[in-house]
Protein backbone atom coordinates (compact mmCIF):
# COMPACT_ATOMS: atom_id res chain seq x y z
CA MET A 1 0.00 0.00 0.00
CA THR A 2 1.45 3.38 -0.95
CA GLU A 3 1.83 5.77 1.95
CA ILE A 4 -0.16 8.97 1.55
CA SER A 5 1.91 12.06 2.14
CA SER A 6 0.62 15.60 2.54
CA SER A 7 3.66 17.04 0.77
CA PRO A 8 4.33 16.93 -2.98
CA PRO A 9 5.45 15.26 -5.08
CA ARG A 10 2.91 12.42 -5.10
CA THR A 11 3.97 8.97 -6.26
CA ALA A 12 1.88 7.69 -9.15
CA VAL A 13 -0.03 4.55 -8.27
CA LEU A 14 -2.01 2.26 -10.55
CA GLY A 15 -4.88 0.96 -8.37
CA PRO A 16 -7.77 -1.41 -9.08
CA PHE A 17 -9.53 1.37 -10.99
CA GLY A 18 -6.61 1.92 -13.35
CA ARG A 19 -6.08 5.51 -12.19
CA SER A 20 -2.67 7.11 -12.19
CA SER A 21 -2.72 8.90 -8.84
CA PRO A 22 -4.13 8.53 -5.33
CA GLU A 23 -6.43 11.52 -5.85
CA ASP A 24 -7.94 10.04 -9.03
CA ARG A 25 -8.25 6.66 -7.40
CA PHE A 26 -10.14 7.98 -4.36
CA ASP A 27 -12.40 10.16 -6.49
CA SER A 28 -13.23 7.18 -8.73
CA ASN A 29 -13.98 4.55 -6.07
CA PRO A 30 -17.81 4.36 -5.90
CA LEU A 31 -17.65 2.73 -2.46
CA SER A 32 -15.72 5.67 -1.01
CA ARG A 33 -18.19 8.09 -2.55
CA SER A 34 -21.11 6.04 -1.28
CA LEU A 35 -19.86 5.90 2.31
CA GLU A 36 -19.01 9.61 2.24
CA ARG A 37 -22.70 10.27 1.62
CA ILE A 38 -23.37 8.96 5.13
CA GLY A 39 -20.12 9.78 6.95
CA SER A 40 -16.57 11.08 6.62
CA LEU A 41 -13.49 9.18 5.44
CA SER A 42 -9.78 9.76 5.93
CA ASP A 43 -7.24 9.26 3.14
CA VAL A 44 -6.08 6.08 4.86
CA GLU A 45 -9.63 4.72 4.97
CA ARG A 46 -10.14 5.51 1.29
CA CYS A 47 -6.93 3.63 0.52
CA VAL A 48 -8.15 0.64 2.57
CA LEU A 49 -11.44 0.56 0.64
CA ASP A 50 -9.60 0.76 -2.67
CA ALA A 51 -7.30 -2.12 -1.72
CA ALA A 52 -10.28 -4.26 -0.61
CA ILE A 53 -11.40 -4.68 -4.23
CA ALA A 54 -9.59 -7.75 -5.53
CA ARG A 55 -10.85 -7.77 -9.12
CA THR A 56 -13.76 -6.79 -11.33
CA ARG A 57 -16.55 -8.94 -12.71
CA GLN A 58 -18.94 -8.36 -15.61
CA VAL A 59 -22.60 -9.44 -15.36
CA ARG A 60 -24.96 -9.24 -18.31
CA ALA A 61 -28.41 -7.67 -18.06
CA GLY A 62 -30.95 -10.18 -16.82
CA GLU A 63 -28.38 -12.43 -15.16
CA ASP A 64 -28.18 -13.06 -11.43
CA ILE A 65 -25.26 -11.58 -9.51
CA VAL A 66 -25.93 -13.98 -6.65
CA ARG A 67 -28.79 -16.43 -6.07
CA GLU A 68 -30.85 -17.46 -3.07
CA GLY A 69 -29.13 -20.39 -1.38
CA ASP A 70 -25.63 -19.37 -2.50
CA ARG A 71 -22.83 -19.16 0.06
CA PRO A 72 -20.57 -16.60 -1.60
CA PRO A 73 -17.03 -16.05 -0.28
CA GLU A 74 -17.10 -12.45 -1.48
CA CYS A 75 -19.33 -9.41 -1.88
CA GLY A 76 -20.10 -7.44 -5.02
CA LEU A 77 -19.70 -3.66 -5.18
CA ILE A 78 -21.58 -2.16 -8.11
CA LEU A 79 -19.10 -0.02 -10.03
CA ASP A 80 -21.44 0.59 -12.94
CA GLY A 81 -24.99 -0.47 -13.72
CA PHE A 82 -28.34 -1.03 -12.05
CA ALA A 83 -29.38 -4.09 -10.03
CA CYS A 84 -32.28 -5.30 -7.93
CA ARG A 85 -32.73 -7.42 -4.83
CA TYR A 86 -35.61 -9.88 -5.15
CA LYS A 87 -37.41 -12.97 -3.90
CA LEU A 88 -38.78 -15.51 -6.36
CA LEU A 89 -42.11 -16.99 -5.30
CA SER A 90 -44.19 -19.86 -6.67
CA ALA A 91 -45.11 -19.91 -10.36
CA GLY A 92 -42.21 -17.57 -11.10
CA ARG A 93 -43.71 -14.58 -9.32
CA ARG A 94 -41.06 -12.03 -8.36
CA GLN A 95 -41.03 -9.45 -5.58
CA ILE A 96 -38.32 -6.82 -5.90
CA THR A 97 -37.34 -5.46 -2.49
CA SER A 98 -34.80 -2.79 -3.50
CA PHE A 99 -32.86 -1.32 -6.39
CA HIS A 100 -29.09 -0.81 -6.32
CA ILE A 101 -26.83 1.67 -8.09
CA ALA A 102 -23.09 2.34 -8.39
CA GLY A 103 -21.49 2.49 -4.96
CA ASP A 104 -23.78 -0.09 -3.34
CA ILE A 105 -22.39 -3.33 -1.94
CA CYS A 106 -25.44 -5.23 -3.05
CA ASP A 107 -24.82 -8.39 -1.00
CA LEU A 108 -22.99 -7.12 2.07
CA HIS A 109 -25.36 -9.24 4.19
CA SER A 110 -23.58 -12.37 2.93
CA PHE A 111 -20.49 -11.41 4.91
CA LEU A 112 -22.18 -12.36 8.19
CA LEU A 113 -25.31 -14.28 7.21
CA GLU A 114 -23.34 -16.74 5.04
CA GLU A 115 -26.28 -18.16 3.03
CA MET A 116 -28.24 -15.86 0.73
CA ASP A 117 -31.96 -15.79 1.54
CA HIS A 118 -32.74 -13.80 -1.61
CA SER A 119 -31.31 -13.16 -5.06
CA ILE A 120 -29.74 -10.11 -6.69
CA GLY A 121 -30.16 -9.61 -10.41
CA ALA A 122 -28.60 -7.25 -12.93
CA VAL A 123 -31.26 -4.95 -14.38
CA THR A 124 -28.67 -3.59 -16.82
CA ALA A 125 -25.19 -4.83 -17.66
CA CYS A 126 -23.18 -4.39 -14.45
CA THR A 127 -19.53 -4.07 -13.59
CA LEU A 128 -18.82 -5.32 -10.08
CA GLY A 129 -15.84 -4.84 -7.83
CA VAL A 130 -15.28 -8.11 -6.00
CA ILE A 131 -14.54 -7.70 -2.28
CA PRO A 132 -13.46 -10.97 -0.61
CA HIS A 133 -14.98 -11.64 2.80
CA GLN A 134 -11.45 -11.89 4.15
CA ALA A 135 -10.87 -8.26 3.18
CA LEU A 136 -14.02 -7.31 5.09
CA ARG A 137 -12.77 -9.28 8.11
CA THR A 138 -9.56 -7.27 8.01
CA ILE A 139 -11.55 -4.03 7.87
CA THR A 140 -13.80 -5.01 10.77
CA ASP A 141 -10.81 -6.18 12.83
CA HIS A 142 -8.63 -3.11 12.29
CA HIS A 143 -10.79 -0.17 11.15
CA PRO A 144 -13.64 0.51 13.58
CA HIS A 145 -14.82 3.69 11.87
CA LEU A 146 -15.14 1.95 8.50
CA THR A 147 -16.95 -0.89 10.27
CA ARG A 148 -19.47 1.58 11.69
CA LEU A 149 -20.04 3.09 8.25
CA LEU A 150 -20.63 -0.33 6.68
CA TRP A 151 -22.98 -1.17 9.53
CA ARG A 152 -24.76 2.15 9.00
CA SER A 153 -25.21 1.31 5.31
CA THR A 154 -26.98 -1.94 6.23
CA LEU A 155 -29.19 -0.03 8.67
CA ILE A 156 -30.13 2.34 5.84
CA ASP A 157 -30.99 -0.71 3.72
CA ALA A 158 -33.35 -1.75 6.52
CA ALA A 159 -34.86 1.75 6.60
CA VAL A 160 -35.55 1.51 2.86
CA PHE A 161 -37.23 -1.88 3.39
CA ARG A 162 -39.49 -0.32 6.06
CA GLU A 163 -40.41 2.56 3.77
CA TRP A 164 -41.24 0.21 0.92
CA MET A 165 -43.34 -1.98 3.22
CA ALA A 166 -45.30 1.04 4.42
CA GLY A 167 -45.84 2.13 0.82
CA ILE A 168 -47.01 -1.24 -0.46
CA GLY A 169 -49.31 -1.65 2.52
CA ARG A 170 -50.85 1.80 2.75
CA ARG A 171 -50.10 4.08 -0.23
CA SER A 172 -52.16 4.33 -3.39
CA ALA A 173 -50.73 3.06 -6.66
CA LEU A 174 -50.11 6.66 -7.78
CA ALA A 175 -48.28 7.48 -4.54
CA ARG A 176 -46.20 4.30 -4.72
CA VAL A 177 -44.90 5.02 -8.20
CA ALA A 178 -44.26 8.70 -7.44
CA HIS A 179 -42.42 7.77 -4.24
CA LEU A 180 -40.21 5.26 -6.06
CA LEU A 181 -39.31 7.81 -8.74
CA CYS A 182 -38.41 10.33 -6.02
CA GLU A 183 -36.22 7.79 -4.25
CA ILE A 184 -34.36 6.72 -7.37
CA LEU A 185 -33.77 10.30 -8.49
CA ILE A 186 -32.49 11.55 -5.15
CA ARG A 187 -30.18 8.54 -4.74
CA LEU A 188 -28.77 8.99 -8.24
CA GLU A 189 -28.26 12.72 -7.67
CA ALA A 190 -26.47 12.06 -4.37
CA ALA A 191 -24.21 9.60 -6.23
CA GLY A 192 -23.45 12.16 -8.93
CA LEU A 193 -25.32 10.10 -11.54
CA ALA A 194 -28.13 12.59 -12.15
CA GLN A 195 -28.47 16.34 -12.31
CA GLY A 196 -31.22 18.90 -12.67
CA GLY A 197 -34.02 16.38 -12.24
CA VAL A 198 -32.83 14.25 -15.17
CA CYS A 199 -31.62 10.69 -14.74
CA GLU A 200 -31.28 7.38 -16.50
CA LEU A 201 -34.14 5.06 -15.49
CA PRO A 202 -33.41 1.63 -16.99
CA VAL A 203 -36.16 -0.19 -15.11
CA THR A 204 -39.16 -1.52 -17.06
CA GLN A 205 -42.81 -1.23 -16.13
CA THR A 206 -42.58 -4.90 -15.13
CA ASP A 207 -39.71 -4.06 -12.74
CA ILE A 208 -41.72 -1.21 -11.21
CA GLY A 209 -44.76 -3.46 -10.87
CA ASP A 210 -42.70 -6.22 -9.22
CA ALA A 211 -41.28 -3.66 -6.78
CA LEU A 212 -44.61 -2.09 -5.87
CA GLY A 213 -47.06 -4.98 -6.09
CA LEU A 214 -48.82 -3.61 -9.17
CA THR A 215 -49.73 -5.02 -12.58
CA ASN A 216 -48.08 -3.71 -15.76
CA VAL A 217 -51.41 -2.20 -16.78
CA HIS A 218 -51.71 -0.32 -13.49
CA VAL A 219 -48.12 0.96 -13.68
CA ASN A 220 -48.71 2.15 -17.24
CA ARG A 221 -51.86 3.98 -16.19
CA VAL A 222 -50.08 5.73 -13.32
CA LEU A 223 -47.13 6.79 -15.50
CA GLN A 224 -49.54 8.14 -18.10
CA GLN A 225 -51.22 10.19 -15.36
CA LEU A 226 -47.92 11.62 -14.13
CA ARG A 227 -46.94 12.48 -17.69
CA GLY A 228 -50.38 13.88 -18.45
CA GLU A 229 -50.18 16.24 -15.48
CA GLY A 230 -46.74 17.42 -16.64
CA ILE A 231 -45.02 16.13 -13.50
CA ILE A 232 -42.60 13.89 -15.39
CA THR A 233 -41.40 13.23 -18.92
CA SER A 234 -39.93 9.87 -19.82
CA ARG A 235 -38.58 8.33 -23.00
CA GLN A 236 -35.88 5.84 -23.94
CA ASN A 237 -34.91 5.08 -20.32
CA ILE A 238 -34.53 8.76 -19.43
CA LEU A 239 -36.64 10.29 -16.67
CA VAL A 240 -37.14 14.04 -16.48
CA VAL A 241 -38.85 15.39 -13.37
CA ASN A 242 -40.50 18.64 -14.38
CA ALA A 243 -42.22 19.35 -11.04
CA TRP A 244 -40.16 17.99 -8.15
CA GLU A 245 -42.25 19.45 -5.33
CA ARG A 246 -45.43 18.14 -6.92
CA LEU A 247 -43.91 14.67 -7.38
CA LYS A 248 -42.86 14.66 -3.70
CA GLN A 249 -46.37 15.69 -2.69
CA VAL A 250 -48.04 12.99 -4.77
CA GLY A 251 -45.63 10.35 -3.45
CA GLU A 252 -45.76 11.53 0.17
CA PHE A 253 -41.98 11.47 -0.10
CA VAL A 254 -39.87 12.46 2.90
CA PRO A 255 -36.23 11.48 2.31
CA ASN A 256 -35.19 11.19 5.97
CA TYR A 257 -35.14 7.38 5.74
CA LEU A 258 -32.21 7.60 3.28
CA HIS A 259 -30.13 9.32 5.99
CA LEU A 260 -28.10 11.41 3.57
CA ARG A 261 -25.63 13.88 5.05
CA ASP A 262 -26.63 17.54 5.25
CA GLY A 263 -26.66 19.24 1.87
CA GLN A 264 -27.14 16.04 -0.11
CA GLU A 265 -30.93 16.16 -0.30
CA ARG A 266 -32.62 18.04 -3.10
C-alpha cells in the first residue's frame, strides 16, 4: 500500500480502478463516494477501501449476480450499472425489495449471514468490484470507523425496506410510483449520476410493478397520469422530473429514511 503524504510530489499509483494517482483513485472509487454520503473518510480509509477490491466482474443484463441459497465467499460492489434485490415466489412470481446503483455493496449481508436468503439480479449490464470476505474481516478487525459506516449502510438498507413496506401496505398506486421515482432520483443525484431532475431510469414497467405490487397495466396507467399532469417526462430510459415538489407531494416522499448527510438532499 502506498503511503499517503501531505507534501508533494505524489507517487503515481495504478490501483484497481486503473487511475494514475491517489487523488484520481479515491475520487473514482464508488464505495468511497457512497460511504461519504453517510459519513466522513480519511485518506487512509479511502486507501483501505480501494485495496479491498480484488478484481472486477462483468454481469450481463438479466443475469443473477448472486442467487438465493448461494454461500458466496465475497461481496459485489456495483461499479457501474443497475441491479435489484428480489425474492422468487411460486409460479415464477417475483417481488423486488430494492434497487441498487453504483457504490452499493449489493450483497454485504452475505459477509455475516453466510447463506443468501434472496437473489440479486442485474437490471442492466453491471460491472462489479469483488470484495473478498477476508478483506471485510480485516476491515472489521482493524478499522472501527469503516466498520461503523458499513454497519450504517446496512441499517439504511433496513430503513428503505421499512419505507417500501409502508408504501405497499398503505399508499395508493399513484403514490407508490411517485415515491419510487423520487427515491431513485435523489439517490442517483447524491451519487453524482443525475443532475437537474434528469436521470437514467433503466427499469421496465414490469420491474416497477414487481417492486410495488402492481400489474403492468396499473403501472402504465399511473405513469400516463404523471406524464399527463406534466409532472414527469420519460422516454428511452430517461426520466425528467418537471415538477419535483409536486412529485414529492403525490408520493408523500420524505427522504429522511435515506439518511443522507446535510446538503445532499434536493
